[in-house]
Amino acid sequence: MLVKEVATIKPIKPLTPQQQRIDTLKQQVKRSQEAVKAERQRQQVAKAQAQLAKARQSLSS
C-alpha cells in the first residue's frame, strides 16, 4: 500500500442521532426479514417431514 493511498482515505464522521435511528431501524428491518424467511423455511421443512412420516406410515400398513 502506498502512502498516497492511505492519505486519500477520508475519515468516517460519526452519525447524528437522527441518522443513527434510521440506521438502527434499517438493521431491524433486515433482521426481521431474515427471521420471517427462516420461519417460513422451518415450517416448510416441518410440513415435508410430516408428509414423509405419513407416507411411511401408509406404506407399512
Protein backbone atom coordinates (compact mmCIF):
# COMPACT_ATOMS: atom_id res chain seq x y z
CA MET A 1 0.00 0.00 0.00
CA LEU A 2 1.38 3.38 -0.96
CA VAL A 3 1.46 6.40 1.32
CA LYS A 4 -0.77 8.41 -1.03
CA GLU A 5 -3.39 5.63 -0.89
CA VAL A 6 -3.51 5.88 2.88
CA ALA A 7 -3.60 9.68 2.81
CA THR A 8 -6.60 9.77 0.45
CA ILE A 9 -8.85 7.73 2.76
CA LYS A 10 -11.33 10.10 4.34
CA PRO A 11 -12.26 9.57 7.99
CA ILE A 12 -15.80 8.42 8.68
CA LYS A 13 -17.82 11.05 10.52
CA PRO A 14 -19.98 9.92 13.43
CA LEU A 15 -23.68 9.69 12.66
CA THR A 16 -26.11 12.21 14.01
CA PRO A 17 -28.79 10.85 16.38
CA GLN A 18 -31.36 11.01 13.57
CA GLN A 19 -29.08 9.14 11.16
CA GLN A 20 -28.29 6.58 13.86
CA ARG A 21 -32.01 5.99 14.45
CA ILE A 22 -32.63 5.45 10.73
CA ASP A 23 -29.66 3.09 10.52
CA THR A 24 -30.92 1.12 13.53
CA LEU A 25 -34.40 0.83 12.03
CA LYS A 26 -32.93 -0.41 8.74
CA GLN A 27 -30.97 -3.06 10.62
CA GLN A 28 -34.12 -4.14 12.46
CA VAL A 29 -35.94 -4.49 9.14
CA LYS A 30 -33.17 -6.72 7.79
CA ARG A 31 -33.20 -8.90 10.92
CA SER A 32 -36.99 -9.18 10.79
CA GLN A 33 -36.92 -10.18 7.13
CA GLU A 34 -34.33 -12.86 7.86
CA ALA A 35 -36.43 -14.14 10.78
CA VAL A 36 -39.52 -14.39 8.57
CA LYS A 37 -37.54 -16.19 5.89
CA ALA A 38 -36.12 -18.65 8.45
CA GLU A 39 -39.56 -19.30 9.96
CA ARG A 40 -41.11 -19.99 6.55
CA GLN A 41 -38.31 -22.41 5.77
CA ARG A 42 -38.72 -24.11 9.16
CA GLN A 43 -42.45 -24.53 8.57
CA GLN A 44 -41.82 -25.89 5.08
CA VAL A 45 -39.38 -28.48 6.45
CA ALA A 46 -41.82 -29.47 9.21
CA LYS A 47 -44.61 -29.91 6.64
CA ALA A 48 -42.39 -32.04 4.41
CA GLN A 49 -41.34 -34.20 7.36
CA ALA A 50 -44.99 -34.71 8.32
CA GLN A 51 -45.84 -35.75 4.76
CA LEU A 52 -42.88 -38.14 4.72
CA ALA A 53 -43.94 -39.69 8.02
CA LYS A 54 -47.49 -40.07 6.71
CA ALA A 55 -46.23 -41.72 3.52
CA ARG A 56 -44.05 -44.15 5.50
CA GLN A 57 -46.97 -44.99 7.76
CA SER A 58 -49.24 -45.76 4.81
CA LEU A 59 -46.55 -47.98 3.23
CA SER A 60 -46.04 -50.02 6.38
CA SER A 61 -49.78 -50.56 6.91
